[in-house]
Amino acid sequence: MIRSRLYYASIAVCGAVLGLTGLSSVVSGSTALVPVLLSIGGLGMIAGVVYDVFVSADPIETVPDDRVVWFTVAMAVVGVVAWIWYVVG
């Protein structure tokens, strides 16, 4: 149970980082292809997590191996640190 929560939360965090990065560029006036695709992809990741957790029959069945879960958690942490560095720097 904890493993599935970690997995889905880390995917949602990665989607939020991508979506916020893209949306901040779009809102600032830079409507290039990359920021638009980042925001669409990030929102799609969040929508996929919401679908898997609340709509699918058993979200625990779709959680991969432990190594993949911990890699996803680690990359979510790296993504948050990189996003903070992007915003501050």
PDB file of N, CA and C in Angstrom:
ATOM      1  N   MET A   1       0.815  -1.193   0.000  1.00  0.00           N
ATOM      2  CA  MET A   1       0.000   0.000   0.000  1.00  0.00           C
ATOM      3  C   MET A   1       0.862   1.262   0.000  1.00  0.00           C
ATOM      4  N   ILE A   2       1.881   1.274   0.858  1.00  0.00           N
ATOM      5  CA  ILE A   2       2.774   2.434   0.922  1.00  0.00           C
ATOM      6  C   ILE A   2       3.525   2.571  -0.398  1.00  0.00           C
ATOM      7  N   ARG A   3       3.899   1.444  -0.982  1.00  0.00           N
ATOM      8  CA  ARG A   3       4.639   1.460  -2.246  1.00  0.00           C
ATOM      9  C   ARG A   3       3.800   2.080  -3.364  1.00  0.00           C
ATOM     10  N   SER A   4       2.525   1.768  -3.407  1.00  0.00           N
ATOM     11  CA  SER A   4       1.679   2.337  -4.455  1.00  0.00           C
ATOM     12  C   SER A   4       1.474   3.835  -4.243  1.00  0.00           C
ATOM     13  N   ARG A   5       1.343   4.260  -2.989  1.00  0.00           N
ATOM     14  CA  ARG A   5       1.197   5.692  -2.716  1.00  0.00           C
ATOM     15  C   ARG A   5       2.456   6.452  -3.104  1.00  0.00           C
ATOM     16  N   LEU A   6       3.615   5.892  -2.780  1.00  0.00           N
ATOM     17  CA  LEU A   6       4.877   6.529  -3.162  1.00  0.00           C
ATOM     18  C   LEU A   6       4.995   6.648  -4.674  1.00  0.00           C
ATOM     19  N   TYR A   7       4.651   5.582  -5.365  1.00  0.00           N
ATOM     20  CA  TYR A   7       4.775   5.559  -6.818  1.00  0.00           C
ATOM     21  C   TYR A   7       3.871   6.605  -7.470  1.00  0.00           C
ATOM     22  N   TYR A   8       2.608   6.608  -7.088  1.00  0.00           N
ATOM     23  CA  TYR A   8       1.673   7.545  -7.713  1.00  0.00           C
ATOM     24  C   TYR A   8       1.948   8.983  -7.292  1.00  0.00           C
ATOM     25  N   ALA A   9       2.359   9.185  -6.048  1.00  0.00           N
ATOM     26  CA  ALA A   9       2.684  10.545  -5.610  1.00  0.00           C
ATOM     27  C   ALA A   9       3.900  11.079  -6.346  1.00  0.00           C
ATOM     28  N   SER A  10       4.904  10.237  -6.570  1.00  0.00           N
ATOM     29  CA  SER A  10       6.098  10.707  -7.276  1.00  0.00           C
ATOM     30  C   SER A  10       5.805  11.005  -8.740  1.00  0.00           C
ATOM     31  N   ILE A  11       4.940  10.234  -9.367  1.00  0.00           N
ATOM     32  CA  ILE A  11       4.551  10.542 -10.745  1.00  0.00           C
ATOM     33  C   ILE A  11       3.762  11.850 -10.795  1.00  0.00           C
ATOM     34  N   ALA A  12       2.886  12.069  -9.820  1.00  0.00           N
ATOM     35  CA  ALA A  12       2.131  13.324  -9.772  1.00  0.00           C
ATOM     36  C   ALA A  12       3.055  14.509  -9.538  1.00  0.00           C
ATOM     37  N   VAL A  13       4.080  14.340  -8.696  1.00  0.00           N
ATOM     38  CA  VAL A  13       5.036  15.422  -8.450  1.00  0.00           C
ATOM     39  C   VAL A  13       5.823  15.729  -9.718  1.00  0.00           C
ATOM     40  N   CYS A  14       6.255  14.694 -10.432  1.00  0.00           N
ATOM     41  CA  CYS A  14       6.973  14.923 -11.691  1.00  0.00           C
ATOM     42  C   CYS A  14       6.075  15.638 -12.706  1.00  0.00           C
ATOM     43  N   GLY A  15       4.809  15.244 -12.769  1.00  0.00           N
ATOM     44  CA  GLY A  15       3.876  15.922 -13.663  1.00  0.00           C
ATOM     45  C   GLY A  15       3.647  17.366 -13.270  1.00  0.00           C
ATOM     46  N   ALA A  16       3.581  17.624 -11.966  1.00  0.00           N
ATOM     47  CA  ALA A  16       3.401  18.997 -11.508  1.00  0.00           C
ATOM     48  C   ALA A  16       4.617  19.850 -11.831  1.00  0.00           C
ATOM     49  N   VAL A  17       5.807  19.287 -11.672  1.00  0.00           N
ATOM     50  CA  VAL A  17       7.029  20.034 -12.006  1.00  0.00           C
ATOM     51  C   VAL A  17       7.058  20.376 -13.490  1.00  0.00           C
ATOM     52  N   LEU A  18       6.760  19.396 -14.333  1.00  0.00           N
ATOM     53  CA  LEU A  18       6.740  19.655 -15.774  1.00  0.00           C
ATOM     54  C   LEU A  18       5.654  20.658 -16.140  1.00  0.00           C
ATOM     55  N   GLY A  19       4.461  20.471 -15.577  1.00  0.00           N
ATOM     56  CA  GLY A  19       3.360  21.369 -15.898  1.00  0.00           C
ATOM     57  C   GLY A  19       3.599  22.792 -15.439  1.00  0.00           C
ATOM     58  N   LEU A  20       4.129  22.953 -14.228  1.00  0.00           N
ATOM     59  CA  LEU A  20       4.398  24.304 -13.726  1.00  0.00           C
ATOM     60  C   LEU A  20       5.515  24.985 -14.501  1.00  0.00           C
ATOM     61  N   THR A  21       6.514  24.226 -14.892  1.00  0.00           N
ATOM     62  CA  THR A  21       7.596  24.801 -15.699  1.00  0.00           C
ATOM     63  C   THR A  21       7.064  25.283 -17.041  1.00  0.00           C
ATOM     64  N   GLY A  22       6.266  24.457 -17.684  1.00  0.00           N
ATOM     65  CA  GLY A  22       5.703  24.854 -18.968  1.00  0.00           C
ATOM     66  C   GLY A  22       4.719  26.001 -18.848  1.00  0.00           C
ATOM     67  N   LEU A  23       3.856  25.947 -17.834  1.00  0.00           N
ATOM     68  CA  LEU A  23       2.870  27.007 -17.670  1.00  0.00           C
ATOM     69  C   LEU A  23       3.510  28.339 -17.300  1.00  0.00           C
ATOM     70  N   SER A  24       4.594  28.296 -16.519  1.00  0.00           N
ATOM     71  CA  SER A  24       5.249  29.561 -16.179  1.00  0.00           C
ATOM     72  C   SER A  24       5.864  30.212 -17.411  1.00  0.00           C
ATOM     73  N   SER A  25       6.368  29.397 -18.330  1.00  0.00           N
ATOM     74  CA  SER A  25       6.913  29.959 -19.567  1.00  0.00           C
ATOM     75  C   SER A  25       5.803  30.480 -20.473  1.00  0.00           C
ATOM     76  N   VAL A  26       4.693  29.779 -20.521  1.00  0.00           N
ATOM     77  CA  VAL A  26       3.576  30.208 -21.367  1.00  0.00           C
ATOM     78  C   VAL A  26       2.959  31.495 -20.814  1.00  0.00           C
ATOM     79  N   VAL A  27       2.804  31.583 -19.497  1.00  0.00           N
ATOM     80  CA  VAL A  27       2.202  32.769 -18.887  1.00  0.00           C
ATOM     81  C   VAL A  27       3.093  33.991 -19.057  1.00  0.00           C
ATOM     82  N   SER A  28       4.423  33.774 -19.056  1.00  0.00           N
ATOM     83  CA  SER A  28       5.333  34.913 -19.194  1.00  0.00           C
ATOM     84  C   SER A  28       5.376  35.457 -20.618  1.00  0.00           C
ATOM     85  N   GLY A  29       4.747  34.788 -21.554  1.00  0.00           N
ATOM     86  CA  GLY A  29       4.666  35.313 -22.909  1.00  0.00           C
ATOM     87  C   GLY A  29       5.453  34.524 -23.929  1.00  0.00           C
ATOM     88  N   SER A  30       6.151  33.513 -23.510  1.00  0.00           N
ATOM     89  CA  SER A  30       6.936  32.695 -24.427  1.00  0.00           C
ATOM     90  C   SER A  30       6.105  31.498 -24.869  1.00  0.00           C
ATOM     91  N   THR A  31       5.307  31.672 -25.912  1.00  0.00           N
ATOM     92  CA  THR A  31       4.439  30.597 -26.370  1.00  0.00           C
ATOM     93  C   THR A  31       5.123  29.798 -27.464  1.00  0.00           C
ATOM     94  N   ALA A  32       6.203  29.134 -27.105  1.00  0.00           N
ATOM     95  CA  ALA A  32       6.898  28.248 -28.034  1.00  0.00           C
ATOM     96  C   ALA A  32       6.313  26.843 -27.896  1.00  0.00           C
ATOM     97  N   LEU A  33       6.764  25.942 -28.725  1.00  0.00           N
ATOM     98  CA  LEU A  33       6.227  24.585 -28.733  1.00  0.00           C
ATOM     99  C   LEU A  33       6.617  23.815 -27.479  1.00  0.00           C
ATOM    100  N   VAL A  34       7.848  23.953 -27.028  1.00  0.00           N
ATOM    101  CA  VAL A  34       8.332  23.170 -25.891  1.00  0.00           C
ATOM    102  C   VAL A  34       7.571  23.487 -24.605  1.00  0.00           C
ATOM    103  N   PRO A  35       7.380  24.742 -24.215  1.00  0.00           N
ATOM    104  CA  PRO A  35       6.605  24.984 -22.992  1.00  0.00           C
ATOM    105  C   PRO A  35       5.163  24.493 -23.066  1.00  0.00           C
ATOM    106  N   VAL A  36       4.565  24.599 -24.224  1.00  0.00           N
ATOM    107  CA  VAL A  36       3.194  24.117 -24.379  1.00  0.00           C
ATOM    108  C   VAL A  36       3.150  22.600 -24.214  1.00  0.00           C
ATOM    109  N   LEU A  37       4.108  21.901 -24.822  1.00  0.00           N
ATOM    110  CA  LEU A  37       4.145  20.448 -24.688  1.00  0.00           C
ATOM    111  C   LEU A  37       4.491  20.014 -23.268  1.00  0.00           C
ATOM    112  N   LEU A  38       5.347  20.772 -22.578  1.00  0.00           N
ATOM    113  CA  LEU A  38       5.648  20.473 -21.180  1.00  0.00           C
ATOM    114  C   LEU A  38       4.398  20.588 -20.318  1.00  0.00           C
ATOM    115  N   SER A  39       3.632  21.632 -20.524  1.00  0.00           N
ATOM    116  CA  SER A  39       2.428  21.804 -19.716  1.00  0.00           C
ATOM    117  C   SER A  39       1.378  20.742 -20.036  1.00  0.00           C
ATOM    118  N   ILE A  40       1.239  20.374 -21.289  1.00  0.00           N
ATOM    119  CA  ILE A  40       0.288  19.323 -21.659  1.00  0.00           C
ATOM    120  C   ILE A  40       0.723  17.980 -21.088  1.00  0.00           C
ATOM    121  N   GLY A  41       2.011  17.678 -21.189  1.00  0.00           N
ATOM    122  CA  GLY A  41       2.514  16.421 -20.649  1.00  0.00           C
ATOM    123  C   GLY A  41       2.399  16.335 -19.140  1.00  0.00           C
ATOM    124  N   GLY A  42       2.701  17.439 -18.449  1.00  0.00           N
ATOM    125  CA  GLY A  42       2.591  17.443 -16.997  1.00  0.00           C
ATOM    126  C   GLY A  42       1.156  17.265 -16.530  1.00  0.00           C
ATOM    127  N   LEU A  43       0.237  17.966 -17.169  1.00  0.00           N
ATOM    128  CA  LEU A  43      -1.171  17.811 -16.816  1.00  0.00           C
ATOM    129  C   LEU A  43      -1.685  16.416 -17.178  1.00  0.00           C
ATOM    130  N   GLY A  44      -1.146  15.840 -18.247  1.00  0.00           N
ATOM    131  CA  GLY A  44      -1.513  14.475 -18.613  1.00  0.00           C
ATOM    132  C   GLY A  44      -1.027  13.453 -17.600  1.00  0.00           C
ATOM    133  N   MET A  45       0.165  13.687 -17.044  1.00  0.00           N
ATOM    134  CA  MET A  45       0.674  12.787 -16.009  1.00  0.00           C
ATOM    135  C   MET A  45      -0.195  12.855 -14.755  1.00  0.00           C
ATOM    136  N   ILE A  46      -0.590  14.044 -14.380  1.00  0.00           N
ATOM    137  CA  ILE A  46      -1.445  14.196 -13.207  1.00  0.00           C
ATOM    138  C   ILE A  46      -2.812  13.559 -13.460  1.00  0.00           C
ATOM    139  N   ALA A  47      -3.351  13.749 -14.649  1.00  0.00           N
ATOM    140  CA  ALA A  47      -4.643  13.141 -14.982  1.00  0.00           C
ATOM    141  C   ALA A  47      -4.548  11.615 -14.993  1.00  0.00           C
ATOM    142  N   GLY A  48      -3.426  11.081 -15.459  1.00  0.00           N
ATOM    143  CA  GLY A  48      -3.229   9.635 -15.449  1.00  0.00           C
ATOM    144  C   GLY A  48      -3.169   9.072 -14.039  1.00  0.00           C
ATOM    145  N   VAL A  49      -2.517   9.787 -13.150  1.00  0.00           N
ATOM    146  CA  VAL A  49      -2.456   9.347 -11.755  1.00  0.00           C
ATOM    147  C   VAL A  49      -3.840   9.391 -11.120  1.00  0.00           C
ATOM    148  N   VAL A  50      -4.573  10.468 -11.368  1.00  0.00           N
ATOM    149  CA  VAL A  50      -5.926  10.575 -10.807  1.00  0.00           C
ATOM    150  C   VAL A  50      -6.796   9.450 -11.333  1.00  0.00           C
ATOM    151  N   TYR A  51      -6.677   9.135 -12.605  1.00  0.00           N
ATOM    152  CA  TYR A  51      -7.456   8.034 -13.177  1.00  0.00           C
ATOM    153  C   TYR A  51      -7.071   6.702 -12.543  1.00  0.00           C
ATOM    154  N   ASP A  52      -5.768   6.443 -12.433  1.00  0.00           N
ATOM    155  CA  ASP A  52      -5.324   5.168 -11.867  1.00  0.00           C
ATOM    156  C   ASP A  52      -5.749   5.005 -10.415  1.00  0.00           C
ATOM    157  N   VAL A  53      -5.684   6.061  -9.645  1.00  0.00           N
ATOM    158  CA  VAL A  53      -5.980   5.946  -8.219  1.00  0.00           C
ATOM    159  C   VAL A  53      -7.482   5.902  -7.947  1.00  0.00           C
ATOM    160  N   PHE A  54      -8.249   6.756  -8.606  1.00  0.00           N
ATOM    161  CA  PHE A  54      -9.658   6.878  -8.250  1.00  0.00           C
ATOM    162  C   PHE A  54     -10.614   6.117  -9.157  1.00  0.00           C
ATOM    163  N   VAL A  55     -10.248   5.871 -10.392  1.00  0.00           N
ATOM    164  CA  VAL A  55     -11.194   5.260 -11.316  1.00  0.00           C
ATOM    165  C   VAL A  55     -10.886   3.791 -11.591  1.00  0.00           C
ATOM    166  N   SER A  56      -9.605   3.436 -11.677  1.00  0.00           N
ATOM    167  CA  SER A  56      -9.277   2.057 -12.030  1.00  0.00           C
ATOM    168  C   SER A  56      -9.684   1.112 -10.907  1.00  0.00           C
ATOM    169  N   ALA A  57      -9.848  -0.148 -11.247  1.00  0.00           N
ATOM    170  CA  ALA A  57     -10.375  -1.130 -10.305  1.00  0.00           C
ATOM    171  C   ALA A  57      -9.447  -1.358  -9.111  1.00  0.00           C
ATOM    172  N   ASP A  58      -8.173  -1.631  -9.371  1.00  0.00           N
ATOM    173  CA  ASP A  58      -7.227  -1.904  -8.286  1.00  0.00           C
ATOM    174  C   ASP A  58      -5.895  -1.258  -8.622  1.00  0.00           C
ATOM    175  N   PRO A  59      -5.615  -0.078  -8.072  1.00  0.00           N
ATOM    176  CA  PRO A  59      -4.382   0.621  -8.439  1.00  0.00           C
ATOM    177  C   PRO A  59      -3.116  -0.081  -7.959  1.00  0.00           C
ATOM    178  N   ILE A  60      -3.219  -0.976  -6.994  1.00  0.00           N
ATOM    179  CA  ILE A  60      -2.034  -1.681  -6.494  1.00  0.00           C
ATOM    180  C   ILE A  60      -1.504  -2.650  -7.548  1.00  0.00           C
ATOM    181  N   GLU A  61      -2.365  -3.159  -8.424  1.00  0.00           N
ATOM    182  CA  GLU A  61      -1.932  -4.109  -9.446  1.00  0.00           C
ATOM    183  C   GLU A  61      -1.044  -3.469 -10.505  1.00  0.00           C
ATOM    184  N   THR A  62      -1.148  -2.167 -10.710  1.00  0.00           N
ATOM    185  CA  THR A  62      -0.379  -1.506 -11.764  1.00  0.00           C
ATOM    186  C   THR A  62       0.957  -0.962 -11.279  1.00  0.00           C
ATOM    187  N   VAL A  63       1.295  -1.155 -10.008  1.00  0.00           N
ATOM    188  CA  VAL A  63       2.562  -0.665  -9.465  1.00  0.00           C
ATOM    189  C   VAL A  63       3.672  -1.622  -9.884  1.00  0.00           C
ATOM    190  N   PRO A  64       4.762  -1.097 -10.441  1.00  0.00           N
ATOM    191  CA  PRO A  64       5.849  -1.970 -10.888  1.00  0.00           C
ATOM    192  C   PRO A  64       6.721  -2.462  -9.730  1.00  0.00           C
ATOM    193  N   ASP A  65       7.843  -3.026 -10.081  1.00  0.00           N
ATOM    194  CA  ASP A  65       8.797  -3.587  -9.129  1.00  0.00           C
ATOM    195  C   ASP A  65       9.328  -2.512  -8.171  1.00  0.00           C
ATOM    196  N   ASP A  66       9.871  -2.947  -7.032  1.00  0.00           N
ATOM    197  CA  ASP A  66      10.388  -2.014  -6.025  1.00  0.00           C
ATOM    198  C   ASP A  66      11.477  -1.109  -6.568  1.00  0.00           C
ATOM    199  N   ARG A  67      12.344  -1.639  -7.417  1.00  0.00           N
ATOM    200  CA  ARG A  67      13.434  -0.819  -7.959  1.00  0.00           C
ATOM    201  C   ARG A  67      12.899   0.330  -8.802  1.00  0.00           C
ATOM    202  N   VAL A  68      11.870   0.082  -9.569  1.00  0.00           N
ATOM    203  CA  VAL A  68      11.278   1.120 -10.396  1.00  0.00           C
ATOM    204  C   VAL A  68      10.580   2.161  -9.524  1.00  0.00           C
ATOM    205  N   VAL A  69       9.927   1.705  -8.465  1.00  0.00           N
ATOM    206  CA  VAL A  69       9.255   2.637  -7.552  1.00  0.00           C
ATOM    207  C   VAL A  69      10.276   3.566  -6.911  1.00  0.00           C
ATOM    208  N   TRP A  70      11.374   3.023  -6.385  1.00  0.00           N
ATOM    209  CA  TRP A  70      12.370   3.867  -5.721  1.00  0.00           C
ATOM    210  C   TRP A  70      13.106   4.755  -6.711  1.00  0.00           C
ATOM    211  N   PHE A  71      13.299   4.297  -7.946  1.00  0.00           N
ATOM    212  CA  PHE A  71      13.891   5.153  -8.968  1.00  0.00           C
ATOM    213  C   PHE A  71      12.963   6.320  -9.291  1.00  0.00           C
ATOM    214  N   THR A  72      11.675   6.055  -9.367  1.00  0.00           N
ATOM    215  CA  THR A  72      10.709   7.116  -9.637  1.00  0.00           C
ATOM    216  C   THR A  72      10.664   8.126  -8.498  1.00  0.00           C
ATOM    217  N   VAL A  73      10.745   7.641  -7.273  1.00  0.00           N
ATOM    218  CA  VAL A  73      10.773   8.548  -6.112  1.00  0.00           C
ATOM    219  C   VAL A  73      12.028   9.408  -6.149  1.00  0.00           C
ATOM    220  N   ALA A  74      13.169   8.789  -6.456  1.00  0.00           N
ATOM    221  CA  ALA A  74      14.430   9.542  -6.522  1.00  0.00           C
ATOM    222  C   ALA A  74      14.383  10.593  -7.631  1.00  0.00           C
ATOM    223  N   MET A  75      13.830  10.258  -8.782  1.00  0.00           N
ATOM    224  CA  MET A  75      13.743  11.229  -9.865  1.00  0.00           C
ATOM    225  C   MET A  75      12.746  12.341  -9.555  1.00  0.00           C
ATOM    226  N   ALA A  76      11.722  12.052  -8.768  1.00  0.00           N
ATOM    227  CA  ALA A  76      10.801  13.112  -8.341  1.00  0.00           C
ATOM    228  C   ALA A  76      11.519  14.093  -7.418  1.00  0.00           C
ATOM    229  N   VAL A  77      12.363  13.574  -6.531  1.00  0.00           N
ATOM    230  CA  VAL A  77      13.144  14.449  -5.652  1.00  0.00           C
ATOM    231  C   VAL A  77      14.109  15.293  -6.469  1.00  0.00           C
ATOM    232  N   VAL A  78      14.783  14.678  -7.433  1.00  0.00           N
ATOM    233  CA  VAL A  78      15.703  15.422  -8.309  1.00  0.00           C
ATOM    234  C   VAL A  78      14.930  16.478  -9.098  1.00  0.00           C
ATOM    235  N   GLY A  79      13.742  16.135  -9.568  1.00  0.00           N
ATOM    236  CA  GLY A  79      12.928  17.093 -10.314  1.00  0.00           C
ATOM    237  C   GLY A  79      12.510  18.283  -9.468  1.00  0.00           C
ATOM    238  N   VAL A  80      12.147  18.038  -8.222  1.00  0.00           N
ATOM    239  CA  VAL A  80      11.750  19.141  -7.338  1.00  0.00           C
ATOM    240  C   VAL A  80      12.945  20.038  -7.044  1.00  0.00           C
ATOM    241  N   VAL A  81      14.105  19.434  -6.778  1.00  0.00           N
ATOM    242  CA  VAL A  81      15.312  20.226  -6.519  1.00  0.00           C
ATOM    243  C   VAL A  81      15.690  21.043  -7.752  1.00  0.00           C
ATOM    244  N   ALA A  82      15.611  20.450  -8.926  1.00  0.00           N
ATOM    245  CA  ALA A  82      15.936  21.173 -10.164  1.00  0.00           C
ATOM    246  C   ALA A  82      14.926  22.273 -10.425  1.00  0.00           C
ATOM    247  N   TRP A  83      13.650  22.057 -10.120  1.00  0.00           N
ATOM    248  CA  TRP A  83      12.636  23.087 -10.333  1.00  0.00           C
ATOM    249  C   TRP A  83      12.859  24.257  -9.379  1.00  0.00           C
ATOM    250  N   ILE A  84      13.201  23.946  -8.123  1.00  0.00           N
ATOM    251  CA  ILE A  84      13.498  25.025  -7.165  1.00  0.00           C
ATOM    252  C   ILE A  84      14.720  25.816  -7.625  1.00  0.00           C
ATOM    253  N   TRP A  85      15.724  25.125  -8.127  1.00  0.00           N
ATOM    254  CA  TRP A  85      16.916  25.789  -8.639  1.00  0.00           C
ATOM    255  C   TRP A  85      16.570  26.676  -9.837  1.00  0.00           C
ATOM    256  N   TYR A  86      15.658  26.196 -10.699  1.00  0.00           N
ATOM    257  CA  TYR A  86      15.211  26.959 -11.858  1.00  0.00           C
ATOM    258  C   TYR A  86      14.458  28.223 -11.428  1.00  0.00           C
ATOM    259  N   VAL A  87      13.606  28.091 -10.431  1.00  0.00           N
ATOM    260  CA  VAL A  87      12.794  29.217  -9.988  1.00  0.00           C
ATOM    261  C   VAL A  87      13.643  30.243  -9.247  1.00  0.00           C
ATOM    262  N   VAL A  88      14.531  29.787  -8.397  1.00  0.00           N
ATOM    263  CA  VAL A  88      15.356  30.699  -7.604  1.00  0.00           C
ATOM    264  C   VAL A  88      16.457  31.328  -8.447  1.00  0.00           C
ATOM    265  N   GLY A  89      17.069  30.521  -9.305  1.00  0.00           N
ATOM    266  CA  GLY A  89      18.233  30.996 -10.071  1.00  0.00           C
ATOM    267  C   GLY A  89      17.948  31.775 -11.253  1.00  0.00           C
TER     268      GLY A  89
END
